[in-house]
Amino acid sequence: MRVDAERNRGRIVEAAQAAFAGRGLDVPLEDVADLPAALKRIDDVAFPYELAQVRARMGVDTILAKILVIEAEWQPGRTTVVLVREPVGI
């Protein structure tokens, strides 16, 4: 992972941990990160970087098809998200 990506990830994880520790799992997304800024960074930085990697290694284009944003759940504790720390794909 790039240094700036690791630093940003660390900031988000720290903010989330502090919010969850203080108020439990019902903390709204706005209290953890600025969603519009995060989505803009995906469009401006993360996706172009990944697209360049795919083109260089596989010679094909790709698209950004899905972004998972969980704003709320009708039943607390119902959502499960699995995050993988190992490289997937490229």
N, C-alpha and C. Protein backbone atom coordinates (compact mmCIF):
# COMPACT_ATOMS: atom_id res chain seq x y z
N MET A 1 0.85 -1.17 0.00
CA MET A 1 0.00 0.00 0.00
C MET A 1 0.90 1.24 0.00
N ARG A 2 0.49 2.25 -0.76
CA ARG A 2 1.26 3.49 -0.82
C ARG A 2 1.27 4.15 0.55
N VAL A 3 2.29 4.95 0.81
CA VAL A 3 2.45 5.60 2.10
C VAL A 3 1.27 6.51 2.42
N ASP A 4 0.83 7.33 1.44
CA ASP A 4 -0.28 8.24 1.71
C ASP A 4 -1.58 7.49 1.94
N ALA A 5 -1.77 6.38 1.22
CA ALA A 5 -2.97 5.57 1.42
C ALA A 5 -2.97 4.95 2.81
N GLU A 6 -1.83 4.46 3.25
CA GLU A 6 -1.72 3.86 4.58
C GLU A 6 -1.97 4.91 5.66
N ARG A 7 -1.43 6.12 5.46
CA ARG A 7 -1.64 7.21 6.42
C ARG A 7 -3.12 7.58 6.50
N ASN A 8 -3.77 7.72 5.34
CA ASN A 8 -5.20 8.07 5.33
C ASN A 8 -6.04 6.97 5.95
N ARG A 9 -5.72 5.73 5.64
CA ARG A 9 -6.44 4.60 6.22
C ARG A 9 -6.31 4.63 7.74
N GLY A 10 -5.11 4.90 8.21
CA GLY A 10 -4.88 4.97 9.65
C GLY A 10 -5.71 6.04 10.32
N ARG A 11 -5.82 7.20 9.67
CA ARG A 11 -6.62 8.29 10.23
C ARG A 11 -8.09 7.91 10.32
N ILE A 12 -8.60 7.27 9.29
CA ILE A 12 -10.00 6.87 9.30
C ILE A 12 -10.26 5.81 10.36
N VAL A 13 -9.35 4.83 10.46
CA VAL A 13 -9.50 3.77 11.46
C VAL A 13 -9.46 4.36 12.87
N GLU A 14 -8.55 5.29 13.12
CA GLU A 14 -8.46 5.92 14.44
C GLU A 14 -9.74 6.70 14.77
N ALA A 15 -10.24 7.45 13.81
CA ALA A 15 -11.47 8.22 14.04
C ALA A 15 -12.64 7.28 14.31
N ALA A 16 -12.72 6.21 13.55
CA ALA A 16 -13.81 5.24 13.75
C ALA A 16 -13.71 4.57 15.11
N GLN A 17 -12.50 4.16 15.49
CA GLN A 17 -12.33 3.50 16.79
C GLN A 17 -12.72 4.42 17.93
N ALA A 18 -12.32 5.69 17.85
CA ALA A 18 -12.67 6.65 18.90
C ALA A 18 -14.18 6.87 18.95
N ALA A 19 -14.80 7.00 17.79
CA ALA A 19 -16.25 7.21 17.76
C ALA A 19 -16.99 6.00 18.29
N PHE A 20 -16.59 4.81 17.87
CA PHE A 20 -17.27 3.59 18.32
C PHE A 20 -17.05 3.37 19.82
N ALA A 21 -15.85 3.64 20.31
CA ALA A 21 -15.56 3.44 21.73
C ALA A 21 -16.40 4.39 22.59
N GLY A 22 -16.60 5.59 22.10
CA GLY A 22 -17.33 6.58 22.88
C GLY A 22 -18.83 6.44 22.80
N ARG A 23 -19.35 5.98 21.64
CA ARG A 23 -20.81 5.98 21.46
C ARG A 23 -21.38 4.68 20.95
N GLY A 24 -20.59 3.65 20.81
CA GLY A 24 -21.10 2.37 20.32
C GLY A 24 -21.16 2.31 18.81
N LEU A 25 -21.77 1.28 18.29
CA LEU A 25 -21.77 1.02 16.86
C LEU A 25 -22.80 1.82 16.07
N ASP A 26 -23.61 2.62 16.72
CA ASP A 26 -24.62 3.41 16.02
C ASP A 26 -24.11 4.79 15.61
N VAL A 27 -22.81 4.96 15.52
CA VAL A 27 -22.22 6.23 15.12
C VAL A 27 -22.50 6.47 13.63
N PRO A 28 -23.03 7.65 13.28
CA PRO A 28 -23.29 7.92 11.86
C PRO A 28 -21.98 8.10 11.08
N LEU A 29 -22.02 7.77 9.81
CA LEU A 29 -20.85 7.85 8.94
C LEU A 29 -20.23 9.24 8.96
N GLU A 30 -21.04 10.29 9.04
CA GLU A 30 -20.52 11.65 9.03
C GLU A 30 -19.56 11.92 10.18
N ASP A 31 -19.72 11.20 11.27
CA ASP A 31 -18.84 11.40 12.42
C ASP A 31 -17.51 10.67 12.27
N VAL A 32 -17.40 9.81 11.30
CA VAL A 32 -16.17 9.05 11.10
C VAL A 32 -15.33 9.65 9.98
N ALA A 33 -15.94 9.98 8.87
CA ALA A 33 -15.20 10.52 7.73
C ALA A 33 -16.12 11.41 6.90
N ASP A 34 -15.53 12.26 6.12
CA ASP A 34 -16.27 13.12 5.22
C ASP A 34 -16.53 12.33 3.94
N LEU A 35 -17.74 11.81 3.77
CA LEU A 35 -18.07 10.94 2.65
C LEU A 35 -17.83 11.58 1.29
N PRO A 36 -18.29 12.80 1.04
CA PRO A 36 -18.03 13.38 -0.28
C PRO A 36 -16.54 13.47 -0.60
N ALA A 37 -15.73 13.82 0.39
CA ALA A 37 -14.28 13.90 0.16
C ALA A 37 -13.71 12.51 -0.11
N ALA A 38 -14.20 11.51 0.61
CA ALA A 38 -13.72 10.15 0.39
C ALA A 38 -14.08 9.64 -1.01
N LEU A 39 -15.31 9.90 -1.45
CA LEU A 39 -15.73 9.46 -2.78
C LEU A 39 -14.97 10.20 -3.87
N LYS A 40 -14.70 11.49 -3.65
CA LYS A 40 -13.91 12.26 -4.62
C LYS A 40 -12.50 11.69 -4.71
N ARG A 41 -11.92 11.31 -3.58
CA ARG A 41 -10.56 10.75 -3.60
C ARG A 41 -10.54 9.42 -4.34
N ILE A 42 -11.57 8.62 -4.21
CA ILE A 42 -11.65 7.38 -4.97
C ILE A 42 -11.63 7.69 -6.46
N ASP A 43 -12.46 8.66 -6.88
CA ASP A 43 -12.52 9.03 -8.30
C ASP A 43 -11.23 9.66 -8.80
N ASP A 44 -10.64 10.53 -8.00
CA ASP A 44 -9.48 11.30 -8.44
C ASP A 44 -8.15 10.58 -8.30
N VAL A 45 -8.03 9.70 -7.30
CA VAL A 45 -6.73 9.11 -6.98
C VAL A 45 -6.73 7.59 -7.05
N ALA A 46 -7.57 6.97 -6.25
CA ALA A 46 -7.52 5.51 -6.13
C ALA A 46 -7.87 4.80 -7.43
N PHE A 47 -8.99 5.17 -8.05
CA PHE A 47 -9.38 4.49 -9.28
C PHE A 47 -8.39 4.71 -10.42
N PRO A 48 -7.94 5.94 -10.68
CA PRO A 48 -6.95 6.10 -11.75
C PRO A 48 -5.68 5.29 -11.51
N TYR A 49 -5.25 5.21 -10.26
CA TYR A 49 -4.07 4.41 -9.93
C TYR A 49 -4.31 2.93 -10.24
N GLU A 50 -5.43 2.41 -9.78
CA GLU A 50 -5.74 1.00 -10.03
C GLU A 50 -5.93 0.72 -11.52
N LEU A 51 -6.56 1.65 -12.24
CA LEU A 51 -6.75 1.50 -13.68
C LEU A 51 -5.40 1.42 -14.39
N ALA A 52 -4.46 2.27 -14.00
CA ALA A 52 -3.12 2.23 -14.60
C ALA A 52 -2.44 0.88 -14.33
N GLN A 53 -2.64 0.34 -13.13
CA GLN A 53 -2.05 -0.96 -12.79
C GLN A 53 -2.64 -2.07 -13.66
N VAL A 54 -3.96 -2.05 -13.83
CA VAL A 54 -4.63 -3.06 -14.65
C VAL A 54 -4.16 -2.96 -16.10
N ARG A 55 -4.10 -1.76 -16.62
CA ARG A 55 -3.65 -1.56 -18.00
C ARG A 55 -2.22 -2.06 -18.19
N ALA A 56 -1.35 -1.71 -17.25
CA ALA A 56 0.06 -2.09 -17.37
C ALA A 56 0.27 -3.59 -17.26
N ARG A 57 -0.45 -4.23 -16.39
CA ARG A 57 -0.22 -5.66 -16.14
C ARG A 57 -1.08 -6.58 -16.99
N MET A 58 -2.27 -6.12 -17.38
CA MET A 58 -3.19 -7.01 -18.09
C MET A 58 -3.57 -6.51 -19.48
N GLY A 59 -3.26 -5.22 -19.75
CA GLY A 59 -3.56 -4.67 -21.05
C GLY A 59 -5.04 -4.45 -21.33
N VAL A 60 -5.83 -4.30 -20.28
CA VAL A 60 -7.28 -4.08 -20.44
C VAL A 60 -7.71 -2.90 -19.58
N ASP A 61 -8.89 -2.39 -19.87
CA ASP A 61 -9.49 -1.34 -19.05
C ASP A 61 -10.42 -1.98 -18.03
N THR A 62 -10.78 -1.21 -17.04
CA THR A 62 -11.72 -1.66 -16.02
C THR A 62 -12.63 -0.49 -15.67
N ILE A 63 -13.64 -0.74 -14.88
CA ILE A 63 -14.54 0.32 -14.44
C ILE A 63 -14.70 0.26 -12.93
N LEU A 64 -15.07 1.37 -12.36
CA LEU A 64 -15.41 1.41 -10.95
C LEU A 64 -16.90 1.11 -10.87
N ALA A 65 -17.24 -0.11 -10.50
CA ALA A 65 -18.63 -0.56 -10.58
C ALA A 65 -19.38 -0.47 -9.26
N LYS A 66 -18.66 -0.61 -8.14
CA LYS A 66 -19.36 -0.64 -6.86
C LYS A 66 -18.55 0.07 -5.79
N ILE A 67 -19.26 0.83 -4.99
CA ILE A 67 -18.70 1.43 -3.78
C ILE A 67 -19.70 1.13 -2.67
N LEU A 68 -19.24 0.54 -1.60
CA LEU A 68 -20.11 0.20 -0.49
C LEU A 68 -20.14 1.34 0.53
N VAL A 69 -21.31 1.88 0.75
CA VAL A 69 -21.52 2.90 1.78
C VAL A 69 -22.69 2.42 2.63
N ILE A 70 -22.43 2.22 3.89
CA ILE A 70 -23.49 1.81 4.80
C ILE A 70 -23.84 3.01 5.66
N GLU A 71 -24.99 3.58 5.40
CA GLU A 71 -25.41 4.77 6.14
C GLU A 71 -26.21 4.39 7.39
N ALA A 72 -27.02 3.37 7.25
CA ALA A 72 -27.83 2.92 8.38
C ALA A 72 -28.32 1.51 8.08
N GLU A 73 -28.77 0.84 9.10
CA GLU A 73 -29.33 -0.51 8.96
C GLU A 73 -30.61 -0.55 9.75
N TRP A 74 -31.62 -1.18 9.21
CA TRP A 74 -32.92 -1.22 9.89
C TRP A 74 -32.88 -2.00 11.18
N GLN A 75 -31.95 -2.93 11.30
CA GLN A 75 -31.80 -3.70 12.54
C GLN A 75 -30.34 -3.60 12.99
N PRO A 76 -30.06 -2.98 14.14
CA PRO A 76 -28.68 -2.83 14.60
C PRO A 76 -27.93 -4.16 14.62
N GLY A 77 -26.68 -4.12 14.17
CA GLY A 77 -25.84 -5.31 14.16
C GLY A 77 -26.10 -6.25 13.00
N ARG A 78 -26.97 -5.88 12.09
CA ARG A 78 -27.34 -6.77 10.99
C ARG A 78 -26.32 -6.80 9.86
N THR A 79 -25.61 -5.72 9.62
CA THR A 79 -24.69 -5.62 8.50
C THR A 79 -23.35 -6.26 8.84
N THR A 80 -22.83 -7.04 7.91
CA THR A 80 -21.51 -7.62 8.05
C THR A 80 -20.70 -7.24 6.82
N VAL A 81 -19.53 -6.68 7.04
CA VAL A 81 -18.62 -6.33 5.96
C VAL A 81 -17.30 -7.02 6.23
N VAL A 82 -16.76 -7.67 5.23
CA VAL A 82 -15.46 -8.33 5.36
C VAL A 82 -14.44 -7.51 4.60
N LEU A 83 -13.41 -7.03 5.29
CA LEU A 83 -12.33 -6.28 4.67
C LEU A 83 -11.11 -7.18 4.60
N VAL A 84 -10.50 -7.22 3.45
CA VAL A 84 -9.34 -8.10 3.22
C VAL A 84 -8.09 -7.25 3.17
N ARG A 85 -7.09 -7.60 3.97
CA ARG A 85 -5.84 -6.84 4.00
C ARG A 85 -4.81 -7.38 3.01
N GLU A 86 -5.12 -8.45 2.35
CA GLU A 86 -4.19 -9.03 1.37
C GLU A 86 -4.52 -8.47 -0.01
N PRO A 87 -3.51 -8.38 -0.87
CA PRO A 87 -3.78 -7.92 -2.24
C PRO A 87 -4.77 -8.85 -2.93
N VAL A 88 -5.74 -8.26 -3.60
CA VAL A 88 -6.73 -9.03 -4.35
C VAL A 88 -6.67 -8.53 -5.78
N GLY A 89 -6.52 -9.42 -6.69
CA GLY A 89 -6.46 -9.02 -8.12
C GLY A 89 -5.04 -8.73 -8.53
N ILE A 90 -4.72 -7.45 -8.60
CA ILE A 90 -3.42 -7.04 -9.12
C ILE A 90 -2.34 -7.20 -8.08
